Protein backbone atom coordinates (compact mmCIF):
# COMPACT_ATOMS: atom_id res chain seq x y z
CA MET A 1 -26.34 -2.23 -92.78
CA ASP A 2 -29.32 -1.60 -90.47
CA ASN A 3 -30.03 1.74 -92.19
CA THR A 4 -30.03 0.00 -95.63
CA ILE A 5 -32.57 -2.52 -94.44
CA ILE A 6 -34.68 0.30 -93.05
CA ALA A 7 -34.52 2.15 -96.41
CA ILE A 8 -35.56 -0.99 -98.30
CA ILE A 9 -38.42 -1.57 -95.91
CA ALA A 10 -39.47 2.07 -96.32
CA ALA A 11 -39.45 1.65 -100.14
CA VAL A 12 -41.50 -1.53 -99.94
CA VAL A 13 -43.95 0.22 -97.62
CA GLY A 14 -44.16 3.15 -100.09
CA ILE A 15 -44.89 0.79 -102.97
CA ALA A 16 -47.54 -0.97 -100.93
CA VAL A 17 -49.11 2.34 -100.02
CA GLY A 18 -49.08 3.42 -103.67
CA PHE A 19 -50.59 0.16 -104.69
CA ILE A 20 -53.32 0.51 -102.15
CA ILE A 21 -53.99 4.08 -103.19
CA ALA A 22 -54.12 2.91 -106.81
CA LYS A 23 -56.60 0.27 -105.92
CA ILE A 24 -58.68 2.80 -104.12
CA LEU A 25 -58.54 5.16 -107.04
CA GLU A 26 -59.43 2.35 -109.40
CA ARG A 27 -62.41 1.59 -107.34
CA ASN A 28 -63.38 5.20 -107.55
CA ASN A 29 -62.72 5.13 -111.23
CA SER A 30 -60.07 7.81 -110.96
CA SER A 31 -57.55 6.89 -113.55
CA GLN A 32 -55.74 10.11 -113.32
CA LEU A 33 -55.10 9.67 -109.67
CA ILE A 34 -53.84 6.20 -110.31
CA LYS A 35 -51.34 7.44 -112.78
CA ASN A 36 -50.17 10.13 -110.47
CA ALA A 37 -49.89 7.61 -107.66
CA LYS A 38 -47.85 5.28 -109.80
CA LYS A 39 -45.55 8.12 -110.72
CA SER A 40 -45.13 9.15 -107.15
CA ALA A 41 -44.56 5.56 -106.10
CA ALA A 42 -41.93 5.15 -108.76
CA SER A 43 -40.19 8.31 -107.66
CA ILE A 44 -40.35 7.28 -104.01
CA LEU A 45 -38.93 3.87 -104.89
CA LYS A 46 -36.15 5.47 -106.84
CA GLU A 47 -35.32 7.82 -104.01
CA ALA A 48 -35.41 4.97 -101.57
CA LYS A 49 -33.01 2.92 -103.66
CA SER A 50 -30.65 5.86 -104.01
CA GLU A 51 -30.75 6.54 -100.25
CA GLY A 52 -30.23 2.83 -99.56
CA GLU A 53 -27.18 2.76 -101.80
CA ALA A 54 -25.75 5.86 -100.11
CA LEU A 55 -26.38 4.40 -96.63
CA LYS A 56 -24.86 1.12 -97.74
CA LYS A 57 -21.69 2.85 -98.86
CA ASP A 58 -21.46 4.85 -95.61
CA LYS A 59 -21.94 1.76 -93.49
CA MET A 60 -19.34 -0.17 -95.43
CA LEU A 61 -16.88 2.69 -94.92
CA GLN A 62 -17.64 2.78 -91.19
CA ALA A 63 -17.25 -1.00 -90.96
CA LYS A 64 -13.85 -0.81 -92.68
CA GLU A 65 -12.69 1.96 -90.31
CA LYS A 66 -13.89 -0.03 -87.29
CA PHE A 67 -12.09 -3.13 -88.55
CA ILE A 68 -8.89 -1.18 -89.05
CA GLU A 69 -9.18 0.29 -85.54
CA LEU A 70 -9.84 -3.10 -83.94
CA LYS A 71 -6.95 -4.61 -85.87
CA SER A 72 -4.58 -1.92 -84.63
CA GLU A 73 -5.72 -2.42 -81.02
CA HIS A 74 -5.31 -6.19 -81.37
CA GLU A 75 -1.82 -5.70 -82.73
CA LYS A 76 -0.99 -3.46 -79.74
CA VAL A 77 -2.26 -6.12 -77.30
CA ILE A 78 -0.29 -8.82 -79.08
CA THR A 79 2.81 -6.60 -79.03
CA GLY A 80 2.41 -5.94 -75.24
CA ARG A 81 1.99 -9.65 -74.51
CA GLU A 82 5.04 -10.49 -76.55
CA LYS A 83 7.01 -7.86 -74.62
CA LYS A 84 5.86 -9.27 -71.27
CA MET A 85 6.76 -12.79 -72.40
CA ASN A 86 10.17 -11.60 -73.46
CA ASP A 87 10.69 -9.88 -70.10
CA ALA A 88 9.58 -13.02 -68.24
CA GLU A 89 11.94 -15.14 -70.34
CA LYS A 90 14.75 -12.71 -69.54
CA ARG A 91 14.03 -12.86 -65.80
CA THR A 92 13.87 -16.62 -65.98
CA ARG A 93 17.23 -16.75 -67.70
CA ASP A 94 18.65 -14.38 -65.04
CA LYS A 95 17.26 -16.59 -62.27
CA GLU A 96 18.70 -19.66 -63.86
CA SER A 97 22.10 -18.04 -64.11
CA GLN A 98 21.86 -16.85 -60.49
CA VAL A 99 20.83 -20.32 -59.31
CA SER A 100 23.68 -21.82 -61.22
CA SER A 101 26.12 -19.43 -59.56
CA GLU A 102 24.61 -20.19 -56.09
CA LEU A 103 24.94 -23.91 -56.74
CA ALA A 104 28.54 -23.42 -57.70
CA LYS A 105 29.13 -21.44 -54.47
CA ASN A 106 27.36 -24.10 -52.39
CA LYS A 107 29.51 -26.79 -53.89
CA LYS A 108 32.56 -24.75 -52.99
CA LEU A 109 31.24 -24.18 -49.45
CA ASN A 110 30.47 -27.87 -49.02
CA ALA A 111 33.98 -28.66 -50.02
CA ASP A 112 35.29 -26.09 -47.49
CA VAL A 113 33.03 -27.53 -44.79
CA GLU A 114 34.28 -31.01 -45.45
CA ASN A 115 37.84 -29.78 -45.16
CA LYS A 116 37.08 -27.94 -41.90
CA LYS A 117 35.36 -31.04 -40.50
CA LYS A 118 38.34 -33.18 -41.28
CA GLU A 119 40.65 -30.60 -39.68
CA TYR A 120 38.37 -30.42 -36.58
CA ASP A 121 38.30 -34.22 -36.23
CA GLU A 122 42.06 -34.30 -36.42
CA ARG A 123 42.38 -31.60 -33.72
CA LEU A 124 39.83 -33.38 -31.53
CA ASP A 125 41.79 -36.60 -31.75
CA PHE A 126 44.95 -34.68 -30.87
CA LEU A 127 43.28 -33.01 -27.83
CA GLU A 128 41.86 -36.32 -26.65
CA LYS A 129 45.33 -37.82 -26.71
CA LYS A 130 46.73 -34.82 -24.80
CA ARG A 131 43.92 -35.05 -22.20
CA SER A 132 44.58 -38.71 -21.59
CA GLU A 133 48.29 -37.93 -21.16
CA VAL A 134 47.47 -35.11 -18.68
CA GLU A 135 45.17 -37.42 -16.69
CA LYS A 136 47.90 -40.01 -16.49
CA MET A 137 50.36 -37.39 -15.27
CA HIS A 138 47.77 -36.06 -12.74
CA ARG A 139 47.14 -39.55 -11.36
CA SER A 140 50.83 -40.21 -11.07
CA GLN A 141 51.35 -36.90 -9.24
CA ILE A 142 48.46 -37.67 -6.86
CA GLU A 143 49.96 -41.10 -6.15
CA GLN A 144 53.34 -39.49 -5.44
CA LEU A 145 51.68 -36.88 -3.13
CA GLU A 146 49.76 -39.62 -1.30
CA VAL A 147 53.01 -41.53 -0.76
CA ILE A 148 54.79 -38.38 0.47
CA SER A 149 51.97 -37.10 2.76
CA SER A 150 50.66 -40.50 3.84
CA LEU A 151 47.12 -39.19 3.06
CA SER A 152 44.66 -40.25 0.44
CA ALA A 153 43.24 -37.72 -2.00
CA GLU A 154 39.81 -37.86 -0.27
CA ASP A 155 41.37 -37.25 3.15
CA ALA A 156 43.40 -34.32 1.86
CA LYS A 157 40.32 -32.88 0.15
CA THR A 158 38.31 -33.27 3.36
CA GLN A 159 40.96 -31.52 5.45
CA LEU A 160 41.24 -28.71 2.92
CA MET A 161 37.48 -28.25 2.85
CA GLU A 162 37.28 -28.23 6.64
CA SER A 163 40.02 -25.61 6.93
CA LEU A 164 38.41 -23.49 4.22
CA LYS A 165 35.01 -23.89 5.87
CA GLU A 166 36.31 -22.76 9.26
CA GLU A 167 38.15 -19.83 7.70
CA ALA A 168 35.07 -18.81 5.71
CA LYS A 169 32.87 -19.16 8.79
CA THR A 170 35.20 -16.95 10.83
CA ASP A 171 35.36 -14.34 8.08
CA ALA A 172 31.58 -14.46 7.68
CA MET A 173 31.00 -14.04 11.42
CA ALA A 174 33.40 -11.11 11.52
CA TYR A 175 31.68 -9.53 8.51
CA ILE A 176 28.23 -10.11 10.00
CA GLN A 177 29.34 -8.67 13.34
CA ASN A 178 30.75 -5.57 11.65
CA SER A 179 27.62 -5.18 9.54
CA VAL A 180 25.35 -5.57 12.56
CA GLU A 181 27.35 -3.09 14.63
CA GLU A 182 27.37 -0.59 11.79
CA ALA A 183 23.62 -1.08 11.23
CA LYS A 184 22.93 -0.66 14.96
CA MET A 185 25.00 2.49 15.12
CA THR A 186 23.32 3.97 12.06
CA ALA A 187 19.86 2.88 13.18
CA GLN A 188 20.33 4.31 16.67
CA GLN A 189 21.60 7.61 15.30
CA GLU A 190 18.73 7.90 12.83
CA ALA A 191 16.16 6.86 15.43
CA LYS A 192 17.48 9.38 17.97
CA LYS A 193 17.50 12.06 15.30
CA ILE A 194 13.87 11.37 14.33
CA ILE A 195 12.67 11.18 17.96
CA ILE A 196 14.49 14.37 18.99
CA SER A 197 13.18 16.19 15.93
CA THR A 198 9.66 14.99 16.68
CA ILE A 199 9.79 16.04 20.35
CA GLN A 200 11.25 19.45 19.51
CA ARG A 201 8.49 20.15 17.00
CA ILE A 202 5.65 19.44 19.46
CA GLY A 203 4.82 21.94 22.21
CA THR A 204 2.60 20.45 24.91
CA GLU A 205 1.20 21.39 28.28
CA GLU A 206 1.54 19.62 31.58
CA ALA A 207 -1.95 18.56 32.65
CA ILE A 208 -2.47 16.71 35.93
CA GLU A 209 -5.90 15.94 37.33
CA ASN A 210 -6.93 14.31 40.61
CA CYS A 211 -9.82 12.13 41.58
CA VAL A 212 -11.33 15.03 43.53
CA SER A 213 -12.69 18.42 42.57
CA VAL A 214 -13.02 21.41 44.86
CA PHE A 215 -16.31 23.33 44.64
CA ASN A 216 -15.90 26.87 45.95
CA LEU A 217 -18.75 28.54 47.84
CA GLU A 218 -19.51 32.19 48.53
CA SER A 219 -20.03 31.49 52.23
CA ASP A 220 -20.20 28.58 54.64
CA ASP A 221 -23.96 29.12 55.03
CA VAL A 222 -24.50 27.42 51.68
CA LYS A 223 -23.10 24.17 53.11
CA GLY A 224 -26.17 23.73 55.29
CA ARG A 225 -28.51 24.24 52.36
CA ILE A 226 -26.54 21.69 50.33
CA ILE A 227 -26.75 19.17 53.19
CA GLY A 228 -30.46 19.83 53.68
CA ARG A 229 -32.74 18.70 56.47
CA GLU A 230 -31.31 15.52 57.98
CA GLY A 231 -28.98 15.28 54.97
CA ARG A 232 -31.69 14.64 52.39
CA ASN A 233 -30.26 17.06 49.79
CA ILE A 234 -26.73 15.69 49.92
CA ARG A 235 -28.04 12.11 49.75
CA ALA A 236 -30.17 13.04 46.72
CA ILE A 237 -27.16 14.59 44.98
CA GLU A 238 -24.95 11.56 45.71
CA ALA A 239 -27.68 9.16 44.54
CA ALA A 240 -28.33 11.09 41.31
CA THR A 241 -24.68 11.67 40.35
CA GLY A 242 -22.79 8.76 41.96
CA VAL A 243 -20.29 11.22 43.46
CA GLU A 244 -19.26 11.38 47.09
CA ILE A 245 -19.66 14.89 48.55
CA ILE A 246 -17.30 15.66 51.43
CA VAL A 247 -18.32 18.58 53.62
CA ASP A 248 -15.59 19.33 56.17
CA ASP A 249 -14.06 22.30 57.94
CA THR A 250 -12.48 23.67 54.77
CA PRO A 251 -13.66 27.27 54.56
CA GLU A 252 -15.96 28.15 51.68
CA ALA A 253 -15.39 24.88 49.84
CA ILE A 254 -16.68 21.35 49.57
CA ILE A 255 -14.94 18.38 47.96
CA LEU A 256 -16.40 16.16 45.21
CA SER A 257 -14.74 12.73 45.11
CA CYS A 258 -15.16 10.19 42.27
CA PHE A 259 -12.84 8.22 40.00
CA ASP A 260 -15.11 8.99 37.02
CA SER A 261 -14.36 12.49 35.82
CA VAL A 262 -17.59 12.71 33.82
CA ARG A 263 -19.74 12.03 36.87
CA ARG A 264 -17.63 14.43 38.92
CA GLU A 265 -18.11 17.16 36.31
CA VAL A 266 -21.89 16.50 36.21
CA ALA A 267 -22.01 16.89 40.00
CA ARG A 268 -19.92 20.10 39.92
CA LEU A 269 -22.07 21.77 37.25
CA SER A 270 -25.28 20.62 38.95
CA LEU A 271 -24.16 22.08 42.28
CA HIS A 272 -23.23 25.31 40.58
CA LYS A 273 -26.72 25.61 39.02
CA LEU A 274 -28.47 24.70 42.29
CA VAL A 275 -26.46 27.16 44.35
CA THR A 276 -26.93 29.92 41.78
CA ASP A 277 -30.67 29.29 41.56
CA GLY A 278 -31.07 28.92 45.31
CA ARG A 279 -33.75 26.22 45.10
CA ILE A 280 -32.20 23.04 46.54
CA HIS A 281 -34.51 20.11 47.18
CA PRO A 282 -34.57 16.46 45.95
CA ALA A 283 -37.01 17.00 43.04
CA ARG A 284 -35.06 20.01 41.80
CA ILE A 285 -31.78 18.15 42.24
CA GLU A 286 -32.93 15.25 40.02
CA GLU A 287 -34.16 17.65 37.33
CA VAL A 288 -30.92 19.66 37.31
CA VAL A 289 -28.74 16.53 37.26
CA ARG A 290 -30.74 15.14 34.34
CA LYS A 291 -30.36 18.36 32.33
CA THR A 292 -26.69 18.64 33.22
CA SER A 293 -26.03 15.04 32.15
CA LYS A 294 -27.64 15.78 28.79
CA GLN A 295 -25.57 18.95 28.50
CA ILE A 296 -22.37 17.02 29.28
CA GLU A 297 -23.22 14.42 26.61
CA GLU A 298 -23.63 17.18 24.04
CA GLU A 299 -20.41 18.79 25.22
CA ILE A 300 -18.59 15.46 24.89
CA ILE A 301 -19.68 15.21 21.25
CA ASP A 302 -18.64 18.83 20.59
CA VAL A 303 -15.23 18.21 22.16
CA GLY A 304 -14.75 15.13 20.02
CA LYS A 305 -15.71 17.01 16.85
CA ARG A 306 -13.41 19.94 17.65
CA THR A 307 -10.55 17.56 18.37
CA VAL A 308 -10.79 15.67 15.08
CA ILE A 309 -11.18 18.94 13.16
CA ASP A 310 -8.11 20.44 14.87
CA LEU A 311 -6.05 17.36 13.97
CA GLY A 312 -7.33 17.24 10.38
CA ILE A 313 -8.92 13.80 10.74
CA HIS A 314 -11.94 13.11 8.53
CA GLY A 315 -14.54 10.36 8.21
CA LEU A 316 -14.46 9.23 11.85
CA HIS A 317 -17.50 7.27 13.03
CA PRO A 318 -19.82 9.23 15.39
CA GLU A 319 -19.33 6.64 18.17
CA LEU A 320 -15.56 7.05 17.94
CA ILE A 321 -15.97 10.84 18.02
CA LYS A 322 -18.02 10.43 21.18
CA ALA A 323 -15.31 8.22 22.71
CA VAL A 324 -12.70 10.89 21.88
CA GLY A 325 -14.84 13.48 23.66
CA ARG A 326 -15.16 11.26 26.75
CA MET A 327 -11.37 11.17 27.01
CA ARG A 328 -11.48 14.79 28.17
CA TYR A 329 -12.93 13.59 31.49
CA ARG A 330 -10.54 10.67 31.91
CA SER A 331 -6.99 10.73 33.29
CA SER A 332 -4.22 8.16 33.11
CA TYR A 333 -1.57 8.29 35.85
CA GLY A 334 -2.68 11.88 36.51
CA GLN A 335 -2.33 12.85 32.82
CA ASN A 336 -5.47 14.03 31.01
CA LEU A 337 -6.28 11.36 28.45
CA LEU A 338 -7.50 13.70 25.71
CA HIS A 339 -4.41 15.91 25.99
CA HIS A 340 -2.26 12.78 25.95
CA SER A 341 -4.03 11.40 22.87
CA ARG A 342 -3.78 14.72 21.02
CA GLU A 343 -0.09 14.86 21.85
CA VAL A 344 0.46 11.29 20.66
CA ALA A 345 -1.46 12.05 17.44
CA LYS A 346 0.76 15.05 16.69
CA LEU A 347 3.92 13.09 17.51
CA CYS A 348 2.79 10.25 15.25
CA GLY A 349 2.08 12.65 12.38
CA VAL A 350 5.51 14.25 12.65
CA MET A 351 7.34 10.94 12.99
CA ALA A 352 5.43 9.38 10.08
CA SER A 353 6.35 12.37 7.90
CA GLU A 354 10.01 11.94 8.87
CA LEU A 355 9.85 8.28 7.86
CA GLY A 356 7.98 8.90 4.60
CA LEU A 357 4.70 7.33 5.75
CA ASN A 358 1.11 8.60 5.68
CA PRO A 359 0.89 11.30 8.42
CA LYS A 360 -2.93 11.46 8.39
CA LEU A 361 -3.24 7.73 9.03
CA ALA A 362 -0.62 7.97 11.78
CA LYS A 363 -2.52 10.85 13.45
CA ARG A 364 -5.69 8.78 13.30
CA ALA A 365 -4.01 5.82 15.02
CA GLY A 366 -2.36 8.08 17.61
CA LEU A 367 -5.64 9.77 18.53
CA LEU A 368 -7.55 6.48 18.87
CA HIS A 369 -4.86 4.40 20.61
CA ASP A 370 -6.37 4.85 24.12
CA ILE A 371 -10.12 4.88 23.33
CA GLY A 372 -10.38 1.55 25.16
CA LYS A 373 -9.84 3.45 28.43
CA VAL A 374 -13.25 5.17 28.23
CA PRO A 375 -15.82 2.34 28.08
CA GLU A 376 -19.38 3.17 29.09
CA THR A 377 -19.59 -0.10 31.03
CA GLU A 378 -16.97 -1.89 33.10
CA THR A 379 -15.04 -4.64 31.29
CA GLU A 380 -12.04 -6.87 32.00
CA VAL A 381 -10.70 -6.68 28.42
CA PRO A 382 -7.36 -4.79 28.19
CA HIS A 383 -7.88 -1.26 26.93
CA ALA A 384 -5.67 -1.80 23.86
CA ILE A 385 -7.66 -4.86 22.73
CA LEU A 386 -10.97 -3.15 23.53
CA GLY A 387 -9.94 -0.09 21.50
CA MET A 388 -8.92 -2.31 18.59
CA GLN A 389 -12.30 -4.09 18.71
CA TRP A 390 -14.12 -0.73 18.64
CA ALA A 391 -12.01 0.47 15.71
CA GLU A 392 -12.73 -2.74 13.76
CA LYS A 393 -16.45 -2.46 14.60
CA TYR A 394 -16.67 1.10 13.29
CA GLY A 395 -14.80 0.50 10.04
CA GLU A 396 -11.26 1.73 10.68
CA LYS A 397 -8.43 0.48 8.46
CA ALA A 398 -6.46 -2.63 9.40
CA GLU A 399 -3.27 -0.60 9.98
CA VAL A 400 -5.03 1.66 12.49
CA CYS A 401 -6.64 -1.29 14.29
CA ASN A 402 -3.32 -3.11 14.60
CA ALA A 403 -1.57 0.02 15.88
CA ILE A 404 -4.24 0.44 18.59
CA GLY A 405 -4.11 -3.21 19.68
CA ALA A 406 -0.31 -3.55 19.59
CA HIS A 407 0.81 -0.37 21.35
CA HIS A 408 1.24 -2.35 24.62
CA ASP A 409 2.40 -5.56 22.84
CA GLU A 410 -0.87 -7.45 23.46
CA ILE A 411 -0.80 -8.52 19.80
CA GLU A 412 1.88 -8.75 17.13
CA MET A 413 2.70 -5.65 15.08
CA THR A 414 1.99 -6.04 11.36
CA ASN A 415 2.83 -2.59 9.93
CA LEU A 416 5.09 0.40 10.55
CA LEU A 417 2.35 2.51 12.16
CA SER A 418 2.25 0.20 15.20
CA PRO A 419 5.81 0.87 16.48
CA ILE A 420 5.36 4.58 15.73
CA VAL A 421 2.26 4.74 17.95
CA GLN A 422 4.03 2.74 20.67
CA VAL A 423 7.06 5.03 20.63
CA CYS A 424 4.99 8.23 20.60
CA ASP A 425 2.84 6.91 23.47
CA ALA A 426 6.01 6.30 25.46
CA ILE A 427 7.37 9.77 24.60
CA SER A 428 4.17 11.46 25.76
CA GLY A 429 3.92 9.41 28.96
CA ALA A 430 7.61 9.67 29.87
CA ARG A 431 7.77 13.46 29.49
CA PRO A 432 8.72 14.97 32.86
CA GLY A 433 5.64 16.15 34.74
CA ALA A 434 3.20 14.47 32.37
CA ARG A 435 2.16 11.69 34.74
CA ARG A 436 2.01 11.28 38.47
CA GLN A 437 1.84 8.22 40.65
CA VAL A 438 1.45 7.79 44.35
CA LEU A 439 4.89 8.18 45.89
CA ASP A 440 4.62 5.17 48.19
CA SER A 441 3.62 2.76 45.44
CA TYR A 442 6.32 4.18 43.19
CA ILE A 443 9.06 3.69 45.80
CA GLN A 444 7.75 0.23 46.62
CA ARG A 445 7.90 -0.77 42.96
CA LEU A 446 11.54 0.32 42.73
CA LYS A 447 12.38 -1.67 45.90
CA ASP A 448 10.62 -4.73 44.48
CA LEU A 449 12.69 -4.44 41.31
CA GLU A 450 15.93 -4.40 43.29
CA ASP A 451 14.78 -7.25 45.56
CA ILE A 452 14.07 -9.46 42.53
CA ALA A 453 17.64 -8.93 41.32
CA PHE A 454 19.10 -9.74 44.76
CA GLY A 455 17.22 -13.03 44.71
CA PHE A 456 19.70 -14.50 42.19
CA ASN A 457 23.13 -15.92 43.06
CA GLY A 458 26.18 -13.85 42.24
CA VAL A 459 24.42 -10.45 42.35
CA ASN A 460 26.49 -7.90 44.22
CA LYS A 461 24.54 -4.68 43.67
CA ALA A 462 21.28 -3.70 42.01
CA TYR A 463 19.99 -0.23 41.14
CA ALA A 464 16.58 0.74 39.75
CA ILE A 465 17.16 3.84 37.59
CA GLN A 466 15.28 5.98 35.07
CA ALA A 467 12.07 6.01 37.15
CA GLY A 468 12.01 2.22 37.29
CA ARG A 469 12.39 1.73 33.56
CA GLU A 470 15.88 0.18 33.87
CA LEU A 471 17.38 -2.23 36.38
CA ARG A 472 21.18 -2.21 36.48
CA VAL A 473 22.70 -5.30 38.13
CA MET A 474 26.36 -5.65 39.21
CA VAL A 475 27.57 -9.26 39.54
CA GLU A 476 30.66 -10.89 41.04
CA SER A 477 33.06 -11.89 38.28
CA GLU A 478 34.23 -15.00 40.22
CA LYS A 479 30.73 -16.46 40.41
CA VAL A 480 29.20 -15.29 37.13
CA SER A 481 30.86 -15.84 33.75
CA ASP A 482 30.13 -13.89 30.56
CA ASP A 483 27.74 -16.55 29.27
CA LYS A 484 26.11 -16.76 32.67
CA ALA A 485 25.64 -12.96 32.69
CA ALA A 486 23.51 -13.09 29.54
CA GLN A 487 21.46 -15.93 30.99
CA LEU A 488 21.06 -14.05 34.28
CA SER A 489 19.78 -10.95 32.46
CA PHE A 490 17.15 -13.06 30.72
CA GLU A 491 16.07 -14.82 33.92
CA ILE A 492 15.72 -11.54 35.84
CA SER A 493 13.62 -10.00 33.03
CA GLN A 494 11.34 -13.06 33.00
CA LYS A 495 11.00 -12.90 36.79
CA ILE A 496 10.02 -9.21 36.63
CA GLN A 497 7.56 -9.90 33.85
CA THR A 498 5.79 -12.66 35.77
CA ASP A 499 5.88 -11.23 39.32
CA MET A 500 5.33 -7.49 38.87
CA THR A 501 2.81 -5.10 37.37
CA TYR A 502 4.26 -1.97 35.81
CA PRO A 503 3.62 0.45 32.94
CA GLY A 504 5.83 0.36 29.87
CA GLN A 505 9.00 -1.73 29.77
CA VAL A 506 11.86 -2.49 32.17
CA LYS A 507 15.36 -2.87 30.74
CA VAL A 508 17.64 -5.28 32.64
CA THR A 509 21.38 -4.63 32.29
CA VAL A 510 23.84 -7.07 33.89
CA ILE A 511 27.40 -5.70 34.33
CA ARG A 512 30.34 -8.00 35.00
CA GLU A 513 33.86 -6.66 35.40
CA THR A 514 37.20 -8.14 36.39
CA ARG A 515 39.64 -6.01 38.35
CA ALA A 516 43.31 -6.72 38.90
CA VAL A 517 44.79 -4.56 41.69
CA ASN A 518 48.49 -4.34 42.58
CA ILE A 519 50.42 -1.89 44.68
CA ALA A 520 53.78 -0.46 43.66
CA LYS A 521 56.10 0.16 46.64
């Protein structure tokens, strides 16, 4: 239709153009041109009409085809909708039939439930009647039993409970006793196994030091030079080092006496340098002692570093390393403290490995357990507590600090490292030849132990055994009962604890026996 309108417009425009041309030609008095223009306009108009008609027909045909196509598509849509509606109606009918069947089933189930409920109510009534009958029979039987036994039900129940309670208590005590004995036996066997294995795996040396050092000389002539004019040299050495120098008739030797091994070593090295150099006078003595003291300090640090490296201990504070080095010049009961601490560290590592604990942490605690014995200044704080305070100050772990402070029972143990360190310390100190005490004081301590036991009534004999670590007491069976024997053992241990000073622990064993003697003739 649009093309038809365009054709008509084109024809009208052609006519208008022809008309205008004609007018122009008329004005120019060109009649011939006007005629030709009219002819051409007529032909153009005719062509335009014919083209318009042809376009009109084409457009009408296209419109019909489009209408037919749209109609067919519409019919398809309508057909699809009708199909969907039919399917929905079918599903609805199926649902309705299914719901109807479910309702029928529910009605049947409701009827069954009602029947079951009635049956249950009937059975419940029957059981209630039976229960009431049983209760009546039970009460009658209880009344008959009360008449026969002359006891009420409460009294009989009380007696039964008491007898059962006593029987259960006896059985429980027997079971507990058996369990405890079995646990003790197993624990002792395992503990002995671990300790023996630990001791066998550690090879140690016997190291005993005294409070004196012997300085050997090439000849006795050097003694006079050491003493100096009117004793000025020897006084200068003693004042600078704090060590007593004993010059006696011992050939080619002088004695250095001091409880502090570090000062004694400074004096020994200083004397060696002075004698080697040959220049011995107060100014030179002070200079040599000063240099030697500095050298010893450096050596102490080197010893501490080598020790921690040998034991595989890392991250130790420099002050603690220095304290470890000072232990080389300190002895405890004649046992070198550094050797003792190294031995305890190795024992702790082995024992911790046997028990499944951290061996490195155990070595650390074992090495540091006696650092409180090497303070730079005198103090009255026990060495275990002092060592724990140092460890806390220099950032050691809580387990290590507790093991250091508790290895002589000054504080309570809070972890498994603490008893390990205590046991390993005892193993190292109790090893034959490891420590030495003055014989007189040792014998006197054993006599004091026995005298304390004889101070109690009923004691017949008393023996201090195992180097004073156990006191075995024999009592008279007529005067001391079994209960009294346990009390006596406790009282003797408390008396020893309050009246005596001793290293380690003292075990008190009280033995009571009854003998019946007859003679066959």
